[in-house]
Every structure is written in C-alpha cells, then in structure tokens.
N, C-alpha and C. Protein backbone atom coordinates (compact mmCIF):
# COMPACT_ATOMS: atom_id res chain seq x y z
N UNK A 1 -0.92 -23.78 -11.06
CA UNK A 1 0.20 -24.26 -10.28
C UNK A 1 0.80 -23.10 -9.50
N UNK A 2 0.99 -23.27 -8.23
CA UNK A 2 1.55 -22.21 -7.38
C UNK A 2 3.04 -22.05 -7.64
N UNK A 3 3.52 -20.83 -7.52
CA UNK A 3 4.93 -20.52 -7.69
C UNK A 3 5.57 -20.38 -6.32
N UNK A 4 6.77 -20.89 -6.18
CA UNK A 4 7.48 -20.81 -4.89
C UNK A 4 7.90 -19.38 -4.61
N UNK A 5 8.01 -19.01 -3.34
CA UNK A 5 8.48 -17.67 -2.97
C UNK A 5 9.90 -17.43 -3.47
N UNK A 6 10.26 -16.16 -3.54
CA UNK A 6 11.59 -15.78 -3.98
C UNK A 6 12.66 -16.18 -2.97
N UNK A 7 13.88 -15.81 -3.30
CA UNK A 7 15.01 -16.12 -2.44
C UNK A 7 14.81 -15.55 -1.04
N UNK A 8 15.24 -16.29 -0.05
CA UNK A 8 15.14 -15.82 1.33
C UNK A 8 13.75 -15.92 1.91
N UNK A 9 12.83 -16.63 1.24
CA UNK A 9 11.48 -16.76 1.77
C UNK A 9 10.68 -15.49 1.68
N UNK A 10 11.00 -14.62 0.71
CA UNK A 10 10.26 -13.37 0.55
C UNK A 10 9.21 -13.49 -0.54
N UNK A 11 8.13 -12.78 -0.34
CA UNK A 11 7.12 -12.56 -1.36
C UNK A 11 6.94 -11.04 -1.45
N UNK A 12 6.17 -10.59 -2.44
CA UNK A 12 5.99 -9.15 -2.63
C UNK A 12 4.51 -8.82 -2.65
N UNK A 13 4.14 -7.86 -1.81
CA UNK A 13 2.76 -7.41 -1.73
C UNK A 13 2.58 -6.18 -2.61
N UNK A 14 1.52 -6.16 -3.37
CA UNK A 14 1.14 -4.99 -4.17
C UNK A 14 -0.01 -4.31 -3.45
N UNK A 15 0.21 -3.06 -3.07
CA UNK A 15 -0.76 -2.26 -2.32
C UNK A 15 -1.20 -1.07 -3.16
N UNK A 16 -2.36 -0.53 -2.83
CA UNK A 16 -2.81 0.74 -3.42
C UNK A 16 -3.38 1.60 -2.30
N UNK A 17 -2.99 2.87 -2.30
CA UNK A 17 -3.50 3.83 -1.32
C UNK A 17 -4.50 4.75 -2.00
N UNK A 18 -5.71 4.77 -1.48
CA UNK A 18 -6.73 5.71 -1.96
C UNK A 18 -6.76 6.86 -0.97
N UNK A 19 -6.45 8.05 -1.46
CA UNK A 19 -6.40 9.23 -0.59
C UNK A 19 -7.80 9.79 -0.38
N UNK A 20 -8.11 10.14 0.86
CA UNK A 20 -9.46 10.54 1.22
C UNK A 20 -9.59 12.03 1.51
N UNK A 21 -8.47 12.74 1.62
CA UNK A 21 -8.51 14.14 2.03
C UNK A 21 -8.05 15.04 0.89
N UNK A 22 -8.80 16.10 0.67
CA UNK A 22 -8.42 17.11 -0.31
C UNK A 22 -7.73 18.26 0.41
N UNK A 23 -6.73 18.84 -0.26
CA UNK A 23 -6.09 20.04 0.28
C UNK A 23 -7.06 21.20 0.17
N UNK A 24 -6.74 22.32 0.80
CA UNK A 24 -7.64 23.49 0.78
C UNK A 24 -7.93 23.96 -0.64
N UNK A 25 -6.98 23.76 -1.54
CA UNK A 25 -7.18 24.19 -2.93
C UNK A 25 -7.88 23.13 -3.78
N UNK A 26 -8.33 22.05 -3.16
CA UNK A 26 -9.07 21.01 -3.87
C UNK A 26 -8.22 19.90 -4.44
N UNK A 27 -6.89 20.01 -4.35
CA UNK A 27 -6.00 18.97 -4.86
C UNK A 27 -5.89 17.82 -3.87
N UNK A 28 -5.52 16.68 -4.39
CA UNK A 28 -5.14 15.55 -3.56
C UNK A 28 -3.65 15.35 -3.76
N UNK A 29 -2.91 15.26 -2.68
CA UNK A 29 -1.48 15.01 -2.77
C UNK A 29 -1.27 13.50 -2.69
N UNK A 30 -0.67 12.94 -3.73
CA UNK A 30 -0.46 11.49 -3.78
C UNK A 30 0.92 11.09 -3.30
N UNK A 31 1.93 11.88 -3.65
CA UNK A 31 3.32 11.58 -3.27
C UNK A 31 3.97 12.81 -2.69
N UNK A 32 4.80 12.60 -1.69
CA UNK A 32 5.58 13.67 -1.09
C UNK A 32 6.77 13.99 -2.01
N UNK A 33 7.44 15.13 -1.80
CA UNK A 33 8.59 15.48 -2.65
C UNK A 33 9.68 14.41 -2.70
N UNK A 34 9.80 13.60 -1.64
CA UNK A 34 10.82 12.54 -1.63
C UNK A 34 10.36 11.27 -2.35
N UNK A 35 9.12 11.30 -2.92
CA UNK A 35 8.62 10.16 -3.67
C UNK A 35 7.82 9.17 -2.87
N UNK A 36 7.75 9.35 -1.55
CA UNK A 36 6.98 8.43 -0.70
C UNK A 36 5.47 8.73 -0.84
N UNK A 37 4.64 7.71 -0.62
CA UNK A 37 3.19 7.90 -0.60
C UNK A 37 2.88 8.95 0.47
N UNK A 38 2.06 9.94 0.10
CA UNK A 38 1.67 10.98 1.05
C UNK A 38 0.75 10.36 2.10
N UNK A 39 1.14 10.46 3.35
CA UNK A 39 0.36 9.89 4.45
C UNK A 39 -0.48 10.97 5.09
N UNK A 40 -1.74 11.02 4.73
CA UNK A 40 -2.69 11.91 5.39
C UNK A 40 -3.80 11.02 5.92
N UNK A 41 -4.84 10.91 5.20
CA UNK A 41 -5.88 9.94 5.50
C UNK A 41 -6.07 9.13 4.23
N UNK A 42 -5.70 7.89 4.30
CA UNK A 42 -5.81 7.05 3.14
C UNK A 42 -6.31 5.66 3.54
N UNK A 43 -6.91 4.99 2.57
CA UNK A 43 -7.31 3.60 2.74
C UNK A 43 -6.33 2.77 1.93
N UNK A 44 -5.73 1.80 2.56
CA UNK A 44 -4.81 0.91 1.86
C UNK A 44 -5.54 -0.35 1.45
N UNK A 45 -5.36 -0.73 0.22
CA UNK A 45 -5.94 -1.96 -0.31
C UNK A 45 -4.80 -2.87 -0.73
N UNK A 46 -4.87 -4.12 -0.34
CA UNK A 46 -3.88 -5.07 -0.82
C UNK A 46 -4.44 -5.72 -2.08
N UNK A 47 -3.71 -5.63 -3.15
CA UNK A 47 -4.17 -6.18 -4.42
C UNK A 47 -3.79 -7.66 -4.51
N UNK A 48 -2.60 -7.99 -4.02
CA UNK A 48 -2.20 -9.39 -4.06
C UNK A 48 -0.79 -9.60 -3.52
N UNK A 49 -0.44 -10.85 -3.36
CA UNK A 49 0.88 -11.28 -2.91
C UNK A 49 1.48 -12.09 -4.06
N UNK A 50 2.76 -11.78 -4.40
CA UNK A 50 3.38 -12.36 -5.59
C UNK A 50 4.75 -12.94 -5.24
N UNK A 51 5.20 -13.94 -6.00
CA UNK A 51 6.45 -14.61 -5.67
C UNK A 51 7.71 -13.78 -5.92
N UNK A 52 7.59 -12.73 -6.75
CA UNK A 52 8.74 -11.87 -7.01
C UNK A 52 8.26 -10.48 -7.41
N UNK A 53 9.18 -9.52 -7.39
CA UNK A 53 8.84 -8.13 -7.70
C UNK A 53 8.31 -7.99 -9.13
N UNK A 54 8.87 -8.76 -10.05
CA UNK A 54 8.44 -8.67 -11.46
C UNK A 54 6.96 -9.04 -11.61
N UNK A 55 6.52 -10.06 -10.91
CA UNK A 55 5.11 -10.46 -10.97
C UNK A 55 4.22 -9.37 -10.38
N UNK A 56 4.66 -8.74 -9.29
CA UNK A 56 3.89 -7.65 -8.69
C UNK A 56 3.83 -6.46 -9.64
N UNK A 57 4.93 -6.16 -10.33
CA UNK A 57 4.94 -5.07 -11.32
C UNK A 57 3.99 -5.36 -12.47
N UNK A 58 3.96 -6.60 -12.92
CA UNK A 58 3.03 -6.96 -14.01
C UNK A 58 1.58 -6.74 -13.58
N UNK A 59 1.25 -7.13 -12.33
CA UNK A 59 -0.12 -6.93 -11.85
C UNK A 59 -0.42 -5.46 -11.68
N UNK A 60 0.55 -4.66 -11.28
CA UNK A 60 0.36 -3.21 -11.18
C UNK A 60 -0.06 -2.64 -12.52
N UNK A 61 0.58 -3.09 -13.59
CA UNK A 61 0.25 -2.60 -14.93
C UNK A 61 -1.17 -2.97 -15.34
N UNK A 62 -1.67 -4.10 -14.87
CA UNK A 62 -3.06 -4.49 -15.12
C UNK A 62 -4.00 -3.66 -14.26
N UNK A 63 -3.68 -3.54 -12.98
CA UNK A 63 -4.56 -2.85 -12.03
C UNK A 63 -4.69 -1.36 -12.32
N UNK A 64 -3.65 -0.77 -12.84
CA UNK A 64 -3.65 0.68 -13.09
C UNK A 64 -4.72 1.09 -14.11
N UNK A 65 -5.22 0.12 -14.88
CA UNK A 65 -6.25 0.40 -15.89
C UNK A 65 -7.67 0.23 -15.35
N UNK A 66 -7.81 -0.29 -14.14
CA UNK A 66 -9.13 -0.60 -13.59
C UNK A 66 -9.77 0.63 -12.95
N UNK A 67 -11.13 0.67 -12.94
CA UNK A 67 -11.82 1.79 -12.30
C UNK A 67 -11.34 1.99 -10.86
N UNK A 68 -11.24 3.24 -10.46
CA UNK A 68 -10.78 3.58 -9.11
C UNK A 68 -9.27 3.65 -9.06
N UNK A 69 -8.60 2.55 -9.40
CA UNK A 69 -7.14 2.54 -9.38
C UNK A 69 -6.58 3.51 -10.42
N UNK A 70 -7.22 3.61 -11.57
CA UNK A 70 -6.70 4.50 -12.61
C UNK A 70 -6.81 5.97 -12.23
N UNK A 71 -7.67 6.28 -11.24
CA UNK A 71 -7.79 7.66 -10.77
C UNK A 71 -6.60 8.08 -9.90
N UNK A 72 -5.88 7.10 -9.36
CA UNK A 72 -4.72 7.37 -8.52
C UNK A 72 -3.57 6.44 -8.94
N UNK A 73 -3.08 6.62 -10.16
CA UNK A 73 -2.07 5.69 -10.69
C UNK A 73 -0.72 5.77 -9.99
N UNK A 74 -0.45 6.85 -9.28
CA UNK A 74 0.83 7.00 -8.59
C UNK A 74 0.82 6.44 -7.18
N UNK A 75 -0.26 5.80 -6.79
CA UNK A 75 -0.44 5.40 -5.40
C UNK A 75 -0.29 3.89 -5.18
N UNK A 76 0.46 3.25 -6.05
CA UNK A 76 0.77 1.83 -5.87
C UNK A 76 2.09 1.70 -5.14
N UNK A 77 2.19 0.67 -4.32
CA UNK A 77 3.41 0.40 -3.59
C UNK A 77 3.65 -1.10 -3.60
N UNK A 78 4.88 -1.49 -3.84
CA UNK A 78 5.25 -2.90 -3.78
C UNK A 78 6.22 -3.04 -2.62
N UNK A 79 5.92 -3.97 -1.72
CA UNK A 79 6.78 -4.14 -0.55
C UNK A 79 7.10 -5.61 -0.34
N UNK A 80 8.36 -5.91 -0.02
CA UNK A 80 8.72 -7.30 0.28
C UNK A 80 8.18 -7.70 1.65
N UNK A 81 7.79 -8.94 1.75
CA UNK A 81 7.32 -9.51 3.02
C UNK A 81 8.04 -10.82 3.25
N UNK A 82 8.49 -11.03 4.45
CA UNK A 82 9.11 -12.30 4.80
C UNK A 82 8.01 -13.28 5.16
N UNK A 83 8.14 -14.49 4.67
CA UNK A 83 7.16 -15.53 4.99
C UNK A 83 7.42 -16.03 6.40
N UNK A 84 6.34 -16.27 7.13
CA UNK A 84 6.38 -16.81 8.49
C UNK A 84 7.08 -15.86 9.47
N UNK A 85 6.81 -14.57 9.29
CA UNK A 85 7.34 -13.55 10.21
C UNK A 85 6.19 -12.64 10.62
N UNK A 86 5.99 -12.46 11.91
CA UNK A 86 4.94 -11.59 12.40
C UNK A 86 5.31 -10.13 12.14
N UNK A 87 4.35 -9.35 11.66
CA UNK A 87 4.59 -7.93 11.39
C UNK A 87 3.98 -7.03 12.46
N UNK A 88 2.89 -7.44 13.06
CA UNK A 88 2.22 -6.64 14.10
C UNK A 88 2.49 -7.30 15.44
N UNK A 89 3.59 -6.95 16.08
CA UNK A 89 3.96 -7.62 17.33
C UNK A 89 3.65 -6.79 18.57
N UNK A 90 3.31 -5.51 18.41
CA UNK A 90 3.05 -4.63 19.55
C UNK A 90 1.60 -4.19 19.67
N UNK A 91 0.72 -4.73 18.83
CA UNK A 91 -0.67 -4.28 18.84
C UNK A 91 -0.79 -2.91 18.19
N UNK A 92 -1.88 -2.21 18.48
CA UNK A 92 -2.08 -0.87 17.93
C UNK A 92 -3.01 -0.09 18.82
N UNK A 93 -3.10 1.21 18.59
CA UNK A 93 -4.05 2.06 19.30
C UNK A 93 -4.64 3.05 18.31
N UNK A 94 -5.77 3.60 18.68
CA UNK A 94 -6.44 4.62 17.88
C UNK A 94 -6.23 5.96 18.55
N UNK A 95 -5.79 6.95 17.78
CA UNK A 95 -5.64 8.31 18.30
C UNK A 95 -6.69 9.18 17.64
N UNK A 96 -7.51 9.81 18.46
CA UNK A 96 -8.61 10.65 17.99
C UNK A 96 -8.13 12.08 17.79
N UNK A 97 -8.86 12.87 16.98
CA UNK A 97 -8.46 14.25 16.73
C UNK A 97 -8.27 15.09 17.99
N UNK A 98 -8.99 14.75 19.06
CA UNK A 98 -8.86 15.54 20.30
C UNK A 98 -7.68 15.06 21.16
N UNK A 99 -6.88 14.10 20.65
CA UNK A 99 -5.69 13.65 21.35
C UNK A 99 -5.89 12.40 22.20
N UNK A 100 -7.15 12.00 22.42
CA UNK A 100 -7.39 10.77 23.20
C UNK A 100 -6.84 9.58 22.45
N UNK A 101 -6.42 8.57 23.20
CA UNK A 101 -5.98 7.32 22.62
C UNK A 101 -6.76 6.18 23.22
N UNK A 102 -7.03 5.18 22.40
CA UNK A 102 -7.75 4.01 22.87
C UNK A 102 -7.06 2.78 22.30
N UNK A 103 -6.82 1.78 23.17
CA UNK A 103 -6.25 0.54 22.65
C UNK A 103 -7.24 -0.59 22.80
C-alpha cells in the first residue's frame, strides 16, 4: 500500500555521492569542514523517494551496510522535494577542462 506524501506535498529523496577523485596524498574527501558533501567529481545515485524524512533515514541505515555504499558511509544526503514542481527549468551545459562550454 502506498503512503501519502508528507505535509505540503513534500517527499524526501535519499541520495548517495560516490567520490571519484583522490587527493594528491591518496585520500578521498567526503565532506567539507562545514559538513556539506565535498563537490569535486562525484556520481550521485538516487536510492529512493520516501513520504517523510524518517522513512528516508531508515533506508539510509539499511543502505549503509550494502557493498559500495558502506565504503562511503558519510556521503548520504536526504533532501526534500516538492511534488509536481519542476527542478530543472533552465537546462544545463557541459564545461570542459579547457574552459569550453557546450549546451
């Protein structure tokens, strides 16, 4: 049986970031000093969409034990999403290392 979205038409997405770049000393930085996910080169995986934050937290506790995810346990993020609201309204472009951009 499906569960209705939370108050205000929000659901919660559980994401995981797999970091792809090693620092010069061989470390991978997972979180910045302010606690935010370190944004270098990462692949984001959506684990699921849940009716409330508690359900997303419960799934995080399950996922953190799985292969791959357990190697980066600090790289989970839960974010609220509004139902029936567009998130990508301006499109996107690719920026290459040499500074070129392509849309």
